[in-house]
Protein backbone atom coordinates (compact mmCIF):
# COMPACT_ATOMS: atom_id res chain seq x y z
CA MET A 1 -7.76 -42.77 -1.93
CA GLY A 2 -8.98 -39.23 -2.45
CA LYS A 3 -7.67 -36.97 -5.17
CA ALA A 4 -4.93 -34.55 -4.18
CA ARG A 5 -6.13 -30.98 -3.78
CA LYS A 6 -4.92 -28.55 -6.41
CA LYS A 7 -4.47 -24.98 -5.25
CA SER A 8 -5.84 -22.69 -7.94
CA ARG A 9 -5.93 -19.31 -6.21
CA THR A 10 -2.39 -19.05 -4.80
CA HIS A 11 -0.60 -21.27 -7.33
CA LYS A 12 -1.57 -19.65 -10.60
CA LYS A 13 0.99 -19.38 -13.34
CA PRO A 14 1.82 -15.88 -14.62
CA GLY A 15 -0.79 -14.79 -17.15
CA GLU A 16 -3.10 -17.75 -16.44
CA GLY A 17 -6.77 -16.84 -16.73
CA GLU A 18 -6.03 -13.38 -18.17
CA ASN A 19 -7.16 -11.97 -21.47
CA PRO A 20 -4.02 -11.51 -23.61
CA ASN A 21 -5.72 -8.74 -25.61
CA ALA A 22 -6.77 -6.74 -22.56
CA PRO A 23 -4.71 -3.62 -21.69
CA LYS A 24 -2.12 -4.16 -19.00
CA THR A 25 -2.94 -2.77 -15.58
CA PRO A 26 -0.38 -0.19 -14.38
CA LYS A 27 1.31 -1.02 -11.09
CA THR A 28 3.40 1.16 -8.82
CA PHE A 29 6.10 1.08 -6.17
CA VAL A 30 5.69 3.91 -3.65
CA MET A 31 8.89 4.29 -1.66
CA ARG A 32 11.07 6.69 0.27
CA SER A 33 14.64 7.77 -0.43
CA GLY A 34 16.97 8.23 2.53
CA GLU A 35 15.88 9.48 5.94
CA VAL A 36 12.58 11.30 5.64
CA GLY A 37 11.04 11.33 9.12
CA HIS A 38 7.74 10.06 10.50
CA SER A 39 5.54 12.62 8.74
CA VAL A 40 6.80 11.81 5.24
CA MET A 41 6.63 8.09 6.06
CA GLY A 42 2.95 8.64 6.83
CA LEU A 43 2.59 10.35 3.46
CA VAL A 44 4.19 7.32 1.77
CA SER A 45 1.63 5.04 3.45
CA ASP A 46 -1.25 7.30 2.41
CA ILE A 47 -0.13 7.40 -1.24
CA ARG A 48 0.11 3.61 -1.22
CA ARG A 49 -3.44 3.58 0.07
CA VAL A 50 -4.51 5.80 -2.82
CA MET A 51 -2.88 3.53 -5.41
CA GLU A 52 -4.46 0.34 -4.07
CA PRO A 53 -5.01 -2.37 -5.19
CA ASN A 54 -2.29 -2.05 -7.87
CA THR A 55 0.65 -1.28 -5.60
CA ALA A 56 2.97 -3.02 -3.14
CA THR A 57 1.25 -2.02 0.11
CA LYS A 58 3.81 -3.66 2.40
CA LEU A 59 6.95 -2.76 0.49
CA ARG A 60 9.86 -2.19 2.88
CA GLU A 61 12.94 -0.18 1.94
CA ARG A 62 16.34 -0.19 3.60
CA ASN A 63 19.29 2.15 3.42
CA THR A 64 21.28 -0.55 1.65
CA ASN A 65 18.79 -0.65 -1.26
CA ARG A 66 19.63 0.89 -4.60
CA LEU A 67 17.35 1.91 -7.43
CA ARG A 68 18.67 -0.89 -9.64
CA ASP A 69 17.43 -3.42 -7.05
CA PHE A 70 13.86 -2.26 -7.53
CA VAL A 71 14.26 -2.06 -11.31
CA ALA A 72 15.40 -5.71 -11.31
CA VAL A 73 12.23 -6.93 -9.58
CA ALA A 74 9.87 -4.45 -11.26
CA GLY A 75 9.85 -6.31 -14.58
CA PRO A 76 8.72 -9.74 -13.33
CA LEU A 77 6.13 -8.10 -11.06
CA GLY A 78 4.73 -5.93 -13.85
CA VAL A 79 5.53 -2.63 -12.11
CA THR A 80 5.29 0.34 -14.47
CA HIS A 81 5.87 3.40 -12.25
CA PHE A 82 7.98 4.44 -9.27
CA VAL A 83 6.75 7.10 -6.84
CA ILE A 84 9.73 8.24 -4.75
CA LEU A 85 9.55 10.66 -1.82
CA SER A 86 12.61 12.29 -0.28
CA ARG A 87 13.38 15.15 2.06
CA THR A 88 16.20 17.69 1.89
CA ASP A 89 17.05 20.92 3.67
CA HIS A 90 14.87 22.76 1.14
CA GLY A 91 11.74 20.67 1.71
CA THR A 92 10.00 17.50 0.58
CA ASN A 93 10.37 16.21 -2.99
CA LEU A 94 8.31 13.74 -5.00
CA ARG A 95 9.44 11.97 -8.17
CA ILE A 96 7.31 9.92 -10.55
CA ALA A 97 9.35 7.70 -12.90
CA ARG A 98 8.20 5.51 -15.76
CA VAL A 99 9.94 2.14 -15.56
CA PRO A 100 12.32 1.13 -17.04
CA ARG A 101 13.46 4.02 -19.30
CA GLY A 102 11.70 7.13 -18.06
CA PRO A 103 10.66 9.88 -18.24
CA THR A 104 10.93 11.17 -14.66
CA LEU A 105 8.86 14.04 -13.24
CA SER A 106 10.28 15.87 -10.22
CA PHE A 107 7.91 17.84 -7.99
CA GLN A 108 8.39 19.96 -4.92
CA VAL A 109 5.76 19.25 -2.25
CA LYS A 110 4.76 22.71 -1.07
CA THR A 111 2.21 21.59 1.54
CA TYR A 112 0.57 18.31 2.45
CA SER A 113 -1.91 16.87 4.94
CA LEU A 114 -2.10 13.23 5.94
CA ALA A 115 -5.26 11.15 5.79
CA LYS A 116 -5.51 11.13 9.59
CA ASP A 117 -5.46 14.94 9.60
CA ILE A 118 -8.31 15.05 7.08
CA ALA A 119 -10.34 12.59 9.15
CA ALA A 120 -9.74 14.62 12.31
CA MET A 121 -11.33 17.70 10.69
CA GLN A 122 -14.51 15.86 9.69
CA LYS A 123 -17.51 15.52 11.94
CA SER A 124 -18.35 12.03 10.62
CA PRO A 125 -15.24 10.65 8.90
CA LYS A 126 -15.62 7.87 6.39
CA SER A 127 -14.53 4.46 7.64
CA PRO A 128 -12.41 2.53 5.13
CA GLY A 129 -14.31 -0.24 3.40
CA SER A 130 -14.30 -2.29 0.22
CA GLU A 131 -13.78 0.78 -1.99
CA PHE A 132 -10.02 0.23 -1.77
CA ASN A 133 -10.42 -3.08 -3.60
CA LEU A 134 -11.03 -1.09 -6.80
CA ALA A 135 -8.75 1.42 -8.50
CA PRO A 136 -9.81 5.08 -8.30
CA LEU A 137 -10.98 7.20 -11.19
CA LEU A 138 -8.72 10.05 -12.33
CA VAL A 139 -9.96 13.57 -13.05
CA LEU A 140 -7.57 16.15 -14.56
CA ASN A 141 -8.68 19.77 -14.57
CA ASN A 142 -7.23 22.94 -16.11
CA PHE A 143 -4.10 21.34 -17.57
CA GLY A 144 -3.14 23.65 -20.43
CA ASP A 145 -1.66 23.05 -23.85
CA SER A 146 2.00 23.52 -22.95
CA LYS A 147 4.33 20.64 -23.76
CA GLU A 148 5.41 20.00 -20.17
CA LEU A 149 1.82 19.95 -18.89
CA LYS A 150 0.81 17.54 -21.67
CA LEU A 151 3.59 15.23 -20.59
CA VAL A 152 2.56 15.53 -16.92
CA SER A 153 -1.07 14.70 -17.72
CA THR A 154 0.02 11.74 -19.87
CA VAL A 155 2.17 10.29 -17.08
CA PHE A 156 -0.65 10.65 -14.53
CA GLN A 157 -3.14 9.02 -16.88
CA ASN A 158 -0.82 6.05 -17.42
CA MET A 159 -0.52 5.50 -13.66
CA PHE A 160 -4.17 4.43 -13.36
CA PRO A 161 -6.04 1.66 -15.20
CA PRO A 162 -7.92 2.83 -18.31
CA ILE A 163 -11.70 2.69 -18.23
CA ASN A 164 -14.20 1.81 -20.92
CA ILE A 165 -17.39 3.85 -20.49
CA GLN A 166 -19.40 1.39 -22.55
CA SER A 167 -18.51 -1.69 -20.51
CA MET A 168 -17.62 -0.48 -17.00
CA HIS A 169 -19.91 -1.14 -14.04
CA LEU A 170 -21.26 1.84 -12.15
CA ALA A 171 -20.45 0.13 -8.86
CA ASP A 172 -16.74 0.25 -9.77
CA ALA A 173 -16.72 4.06 -9.41
CA ARG A 174 -16.08 4.15 -5.67
CA ARG A 175 -13.15 6.58 -5.41
CA VAL A 176 -11.81 9.50 -7.41
CA VAL A 177 -8.43 11.27 -7.56
CA LEU A 178 -8.64 14.92 -8.57
CA LEU A 179 -5.66 16.87 -9.96
CA ASN A 180 -6.25 20.57 -10.55
CA TYR A 181 -3.61 22.87 -12.08
CA ASN A 182 -3.50 26.51 -11.00
CA SER A 183 -2.02 28.53 -13.86
CA GLU A 184 -1.32 31.55 -11.63
CA THR A 185 0.70 29.78 -8.95
CA LYS A 186 1.83 26.84 -11.17
CA HIS A 187 0.74 24.48 -8.40
CA ILE A 188 -1.06 21.15 -8.79
CA ASP A 189 -3.69 20.40 -6.13
CA PHE A 190 -4.02 16.71 -5.28
CA ARG A 191 -7.27 15.45 -3.67
CA HIS A 192 -8.63 11.98 -2.94
CA TYR A 193 -12.39 11.44 -2.44
CA ASN A 194 -14.84 8.67 -1.72
CA VAL A 195 -17.93 8.62 -3.98
CA SER A 196 -21.34 8.00 -2.38
CA VAL A 197 -24.97 8.63 -3.34
CA LYS A 198 -27.81 10.00 -1.20
CA PRO A 199 -31.59 10.14 -1.69
CA VAL A 200 -33.00 13.48 -2.89
CA GLY A 201 -36.19 15.30 -2.06
CA VAL A 202 -36.39 14.13 1.56
CA SER A 203 -35.19 15.50 4.87
CA LYS A 204 -32.08 14.38 6.67
CA SER A 205 -34.09 12.28 9.13
CA ILE A 206 -35.85 10.41 6.35
CA LYS A 207 -32.50 9.82 4.63
CA ARG A 208 -31.22 8.10 7.74
CA VAL A 209 -34.30 5.90 7.88
CA ILE A 210 -33.84 4.93 4.23
CA THR A 211 -30.08 4.36 4.25
CA THR A 212 -29.66 2.67 7.67
CA GLU A 213 -31.14 -0.43 9.19
CA VAL A 214 -32.55 1.07 12.41
CA PRO A 215 -32.37 4.82 13.24
CA ASP A 216 -31.16 5.98 16.64
CA LEU A 217 -34.34 7.02 18.48
CA GLN A 218 -32.65 7.74 21.79
CA GLY A 219 -34.05 10.95 23.27
CA PHE A 220 -37.31 10.82 21.29
CA SER A 221 -40.68 9.82 22.73
CA ASP A 222 -42.16 9.06 19.30
CA ILE A 223 -41.01 8.36 15.75
CA SER A 224 -42.84 11.47 14.57
CA GLU A 225 -40.52 13.68 16.59
CA TYR A 226 -37.52 12.13 14.83
CA VAL A 227 -39.06 12.61 11.38
CA LEU A 228 -40.50 16.09 11.90
CA ARG A 229 -37.46 17.61 13.53
CA GLY A 230 -36.01 18.40 10.07
CA ALA A 231 -38.37 21.32 9.46
CA TYR A 232 -35.45 23.50 8.43
CA ALA A 233 -33.07 22.56 5.66
CA SER A 234 -29.63 21.50 6.80
CA GLU A 235 -26.37 22.05 4.99
CA SER A 236 -26.47 18.57 3.47
CA ASP A 237 -30.05 19.15 2.23
CA ILE A 238 -28.95 22.32 0.46
CA GLU A 239 -26.24 20.33 -1.35
CA ASP A 240 -28.91 18.12 -2.95
CA GLY A 241 -29.50 20.64 -5.72
CA PRO A 242 -30.30 19.86 -9.35
CA GLU A 243 -26.64 20.30 -10.39
CA SER A 244 -25.59 17.37 -8.14
CA THR A 245 -28.56 15.11 -8.91
CA VAL A 246 -28.19 12.24 -11.38
CA THR A 247 -30.22 9.28 -12.58
CA LEU A 248 -28.57 5.96 -11.84
CA GLY A 249 -27.93 4.01 -15.04
CA GLN A 250 -27.21 0.81 -13.07
CA ASP A 251 -27.68 -0.53 -9.57
CA TYR A 252 -25.22 1.08 -7.16
CA ILE A 253 -23.69 0.13 -3.82
CA GLY A 254 -25.94 0.74 -0.82
CA ARG A 255 -29.55 0.23 0.15
CA ASN A 256 -32.30 1.11 -2.32
CA ASN A 257 -29.88 2.49 -4.93
CA ARG A 258 -31.57 0.93 -7.91
CA LYS A 259 -31.47 1.66 -11.60
CA GLN A 260 -33.38 4.79 -12.79
CA ASP A 261 -33.54 6.22 -9.24
CA GLN A 262 -32.73 9.88 -8.60
CA ARG A 263 -29.72 10.29 -6.35
CA ALA A 264 -27.42 13.09 -5.24
CA ILE A 265 -23.66 12.56 -5.61
CA LYS A 266 -21.66 13.25 -2.48
CA LEU A 267 -17.85 13.31 -2.22
CA VAL A 268 -16.15 12.64 1.10
CA GLU A 269 -12.46 13.47 1.25
CA LEU A 270 -10.25 10.59 2.32
CA GLY A 271 -6.81 12.19 2.02
CA PRO A 272 -3.97 12.74 1.65
CA ARG A 273 -3.98 16.31 0.38
CA MET A 274 -0.95 17.71 -1.46
CA GLU A 275 0.10 20.85 -3.28
CA LEU A 276 2.78 20.11 -5.88
CA ARG A 277 4.97 22.26 -8.13
CA LEU A 278 6.68 20.81 -11.20
CA VAL A 279 10.42 21.44 -11.01
CA LYS A 280 12.13 19.21 -13.57
CA ILE A 281 11.49 16.62 -16.28
CA GLN A 282 14.21 14.14 -17.24
CA ALA A 283 14.17 11.82 -20.24
CA GLY A 284 15.57 8.78 -18.40
CA LEU A 285 14.88 6.92 -15.18
CA CYS A 286 15.95 9.54 -12.58
CA ASP A 287 18.69 10.49 -15.06
CA GLY A 288 19.22 11.63 -18.62
CA GLU A 289 18.58 14.77 -20.59
CA VAL A 290 16.69 17.55 -18.80
CA LEU A 291 13.66 18.28 -20.96
CA TYR A 292 12.25 20.99 -18.70
CA HIS A 293 13.42 22.92 -15.64
CA ASP A 294 11.33 25.50 -13.83
CA TYR A 295 14.24 27.45 -12.31
CA ILE A 296 17.19 26.95 -14.67
CA LYS A 297 16.96 28.15 -18.27
CA ARG A 298 19.72 27.23 -20.71
CA THR A 299 20.65 28.74 -24.07
CA PRO A 300 20.79 26.54 -27.20
CA GLU A 301 24.60 26.59 -26.98
CA GLU A 302 24.52 25.33 -23.40
CA ILE A 303 22.04 22.60 -24.34
CA LYS A 304 24.30 21.52 -27.22
CA ALA A 305 27.37 21.44 -24.95
CA GLN A 306 25.47 19.41 -22.39
CA LYS A 307 24.45 16.92 -25.07
CA VAL A 308 28.06 16.58 -26.26
CA ALA A 309 29.24 16.01 -22.68
CA ARG A 310 26.58 13.33 -22.17
CA GLU A 311 27.55 11.53 -25.39
CA LYS A 312 31.21 11.66 -24.35
CA LYS A 313 30.30 10.16 -21.00
CA MET A 314 28.41 7.33 -22.72
CA GLN A 315 31.39 6.63 -25.01
CA GLU A 316 33.75 6.52 -22.03
CA LYS A 317 31.42 4.12 -20.28
CA ALA A 318 31.29 1.85 -23.34
CA ALA A 319 35.11 1.93 -23.57
CA ARG A 320 35.45 1.00 -19.90
CA ARG A 321 33.01 -1.87 -20.37
CA LYS A 322 34.94 -3.14 -23.39
CA ALA A 323 38.25 -2.91 -21.52
CA GLN A 324 36.70 -4.79 -18.63
CA GLU A 325 35.58 -7.60 -20.93
CA VAL A 326 39.11 -7.83 -22.38
CA ASN A 327 40.62 -7.99 -18.88
CA VAL A 328 38.18 -10.72 -17.84
CA ALA A 329 39.04 -12.81 -20.91
CA LYS A 330 42.77 -12.28 -20.25
CA LYS A 331 42.38 -13.34 -16.63
CA LYS A 332 40.54 -16.50 -17.63
CA ALA A 333 43.30 -17.37 -20.12
CA GLU A 334 45.95 -16.87 -17.43
CA GLN A 335 44.03 -19.13 -15.07
CA GLU A 336 43.77 -21.86 -17.72
CA ALA A 337 47.51 -21.55 -18.43
CA ALA A 338 48.29 -21.84 -14.71
CA LYS A 339 46.15 -24.96 -14.44
CA GLU A 340 47.89 -26.51 -17.44
CA ALA A 341 51.35 -25.73 -16.00
CA HIS A 342 50.35 -27.26 -12.67
CA ARG A 343 49.09 -30.42 -14.40
CA ILE A 344 52.37 -30.82 -16.31
CA ALA A 345 54.42 -30.17 -13.16
CA THR A 346 52.56 -32.93 -11.31
CA GLY A 347 53.35 -35.51 -14.01
CA GLY A 348 50.44 -35.12 -16.35
CA ALA A 349 50.84 -35.17 -20.11
CA PRO A 350 50.41 -31.85 -21.90
CA ARG A 351 46.99 -31.45 -23.42
CA LYS A 352 46.62 -30.47 -27.05
CA ALA A 353 44.53 -27.41 -27.59
CA LYS A 354 42.67 -28.87 -30.59
CA ASP A 355 41.91 -32.17 -28.87
CA GLY A 356 40.91 -30.31 -25.78
CA ASP A 357 38.56 -28.12 -27.74
CA GLU A 358 37.05 -31.20 -29.38
CA ASP A 359 36.72 -32.90 -25.99
CA ASP A 360 35.07 -29.80 -24.57
CA SER A 361 32.65 -29.62 -27.49
CA ASP A 362 31.86 -33.35 -27.12
CA ASN A 363 31.27 -32.89 -23.42
CA ASP A 364 29.02 -29.91 -24.11
CA ASN A 365 27.04 -31.93 -26.64
CA GLN A 366 26.70 -34.82 -24.19
CA ASP A 367 25.62 -32.48 -21.42
CA SER A 368 23.04 -30.81 -23.65
CA SER A 369 21.67 -34.18 -24.83
CA ALA A 370 21.50 -35.40 -21.25
CA LYS A 371 19.55 -32.29 -20.27
CA ARG A 372 17.14 -32.89 -23.12
CA LYS A 373 16.63 -36.46 -21.94
CA ARG A 374 15.91 -35.25 -18.42
CA GLY A 375 13.35 -32.81 -19.76
CA ASP A 376 15.32 -29.69 -18.91
CA ASP A 377 14.66 -27.98 -22.21
CA ASP A 378 12.04 -25.57 -20.87
CA ASP A 379 12.42 -22.06 -22.12
CA GLU A 380 13.57 -19.54 -19.59
CA ASP A 381 12.82 -15.90 -19.98
CA ASN A 382 15.90 -13.90 -19.12
CA GLU A 383 14.30 -10.64 -20.06
CA ASP A 384 13.55 -8.02 -17.45
CA GLY A 385 9.82 -8.33 -18.06
CA TYR A 386 9.43 -5.25 -20.25
CA GLY A 387 8.69 -4.95 -23.95
CA ASP A 388 10.80 -2.97 -26.34
CA GLU A 389 8.06 -0.44 -26.85
CA SER A 390 6.32 1.59 -24.18
CA GLU A 391 2.52 1.64 -24.14
CA ASP A 392 2.45 5.26 -23.05
CA ASN A 393 1.26 7.67 -25.71
CA TYR A 394 3.67 10.54 -26.13
CA SER A 395 2.82 11.17 -29.79
CA ASP A 396 1.41 14.63 -29.15
CA MET A 397 4.35 15.83 -27.10
CA GLY A 398 6.37 17.11 -30.06
CA ASP A 399 9.86 18.22 -29.03
CA MET A 400 8.97 17.59 -25.37
CA ALA A 401 8.50 13.85 -25.97
CA PRO A 402 11.24 11.94 -24.12
CA GLN A 403 13.99 10.50 -26.29
CA PHE A 404 14.87 7.15 -24.78
CA SER A 405 18.43 5.89 -24.95
CA ASP A 406 20.01 2.51 -24.43
CA ASP A 407 22.01 3.72 -21.45
CA GLU A 408 21.12 1.41 -18.57
CA GLU A 409 22.75 3.53 -15.91
CA ALA A 410 20.03 4.13 -13.35
CA PHE A 411 21.28 7.06 -11.37
CA SER A 412 23.53 10.06 -11.82
CA GLY A 413 25.67 11.18 -8.93
CA GLU A 414 25.29 14.78 -10.04
CA ASP A 415 21.62 14.96 -9.12
CA HIS A 416 21.13 16.88 -5.87
CA ASP A 417 18.24 14.67 -4.84
CA GLN A 418 19.96 11.37 -5.61
CA MET A 419 18.37 8.37 -3.94
CA GLU A 420 20.34 6.83 -1.12
CA GLY A 421 19.39 3.38 -1.53
CA LEU A 422 16.67 1.17 -1.96
CA SER A 423 18.08 -4.34 -0.50
CA ASP A 424 17.71 -7.40 -2.27
CA GLU A 425 15.77 -8.33 0.84
CA ASP A 426 12.71 -6.13 0.18
CA ASP A 427 9.47 -7.66 1.30
CA LEU A 428 7.21 -7.21 -1.73
CA GLU A 429 3.73 -8.23 -0.97
């Protein structure tokens, strides 16, 4: 009889085959909040495409979902960031939250273009290929020294996997995400490009012969006509200047892209394209102390009063939780007393509390020993999947660094852009 097949690809245990000392790969949930319309839904799909392969591409949200539902499954799945898009009467909003304790960055989406709109403007749009199997590189430009911009750049850096220049493969640099801050308008330009290389020092016709299998010779009587037609430099030939020419340190994707060859770097925009403006920074997960607000400025007295009101709210919440625990214990005692009264009324002998406690303890010991005999002593991790310490580096933030609290309340009803739900039935793939 043959040996039973063991599935190793789809039946791996968590952490099996991984380097425990390697840095954890950031993962994201990109989702909508409330009714957003078809255009914003397309933007959600495009942002998921940008974050591939470390995102839930087929995540489905419902109006019955709540933020706590996603927080509950984020830990076991290793999700580190939420990207939430919503739409109000004032426009489209985007929030980036660090799971599970914040901070949360709130942006206003001034303008945006979908990936299909970018492709429609191009003469020869780039067809999607295997470049989405690798995470993109991140380039931050013109982010100043202000505390809020340092925090923004830190959050964006932690959304993408870190790279090691000494050990990375050149073929892994297939896509790039560019974030440029305009200090005059206070807007952040978001761009997404595909990275490709082209031969230098030859005409456009020769490039096609080198980079393709068989050139299209339709309409030419001889190969010389195809080659010699590039007597004048085209726009793409002008781009192959010395400032865009590099020497390949390793073999790269494509034909004849070998080590030590001279190649010109070419970026092809994939989309989406967004123009963002930072509005608010909160210390918690879509809640907590407001560390920065672009429109509302508070005096130190107002900030102190707000802090006192928040502490009072936390104390009231703790008191309600304690009262609830007391009521639950009281209800259980009343139920036990009712059971005992019913047993006596039906002819049973009254049970002594001490003997009953001993019997219960004996039964518990027997049950636990029986479980050990059946081999049910495996450890179960009841944690939410997160460590006590965040791996994000906020050490240079100073007073702007978020102060995390132990308050587990996910959402505040006072926020004007409160999420309307996120079901236990989400399809996370």
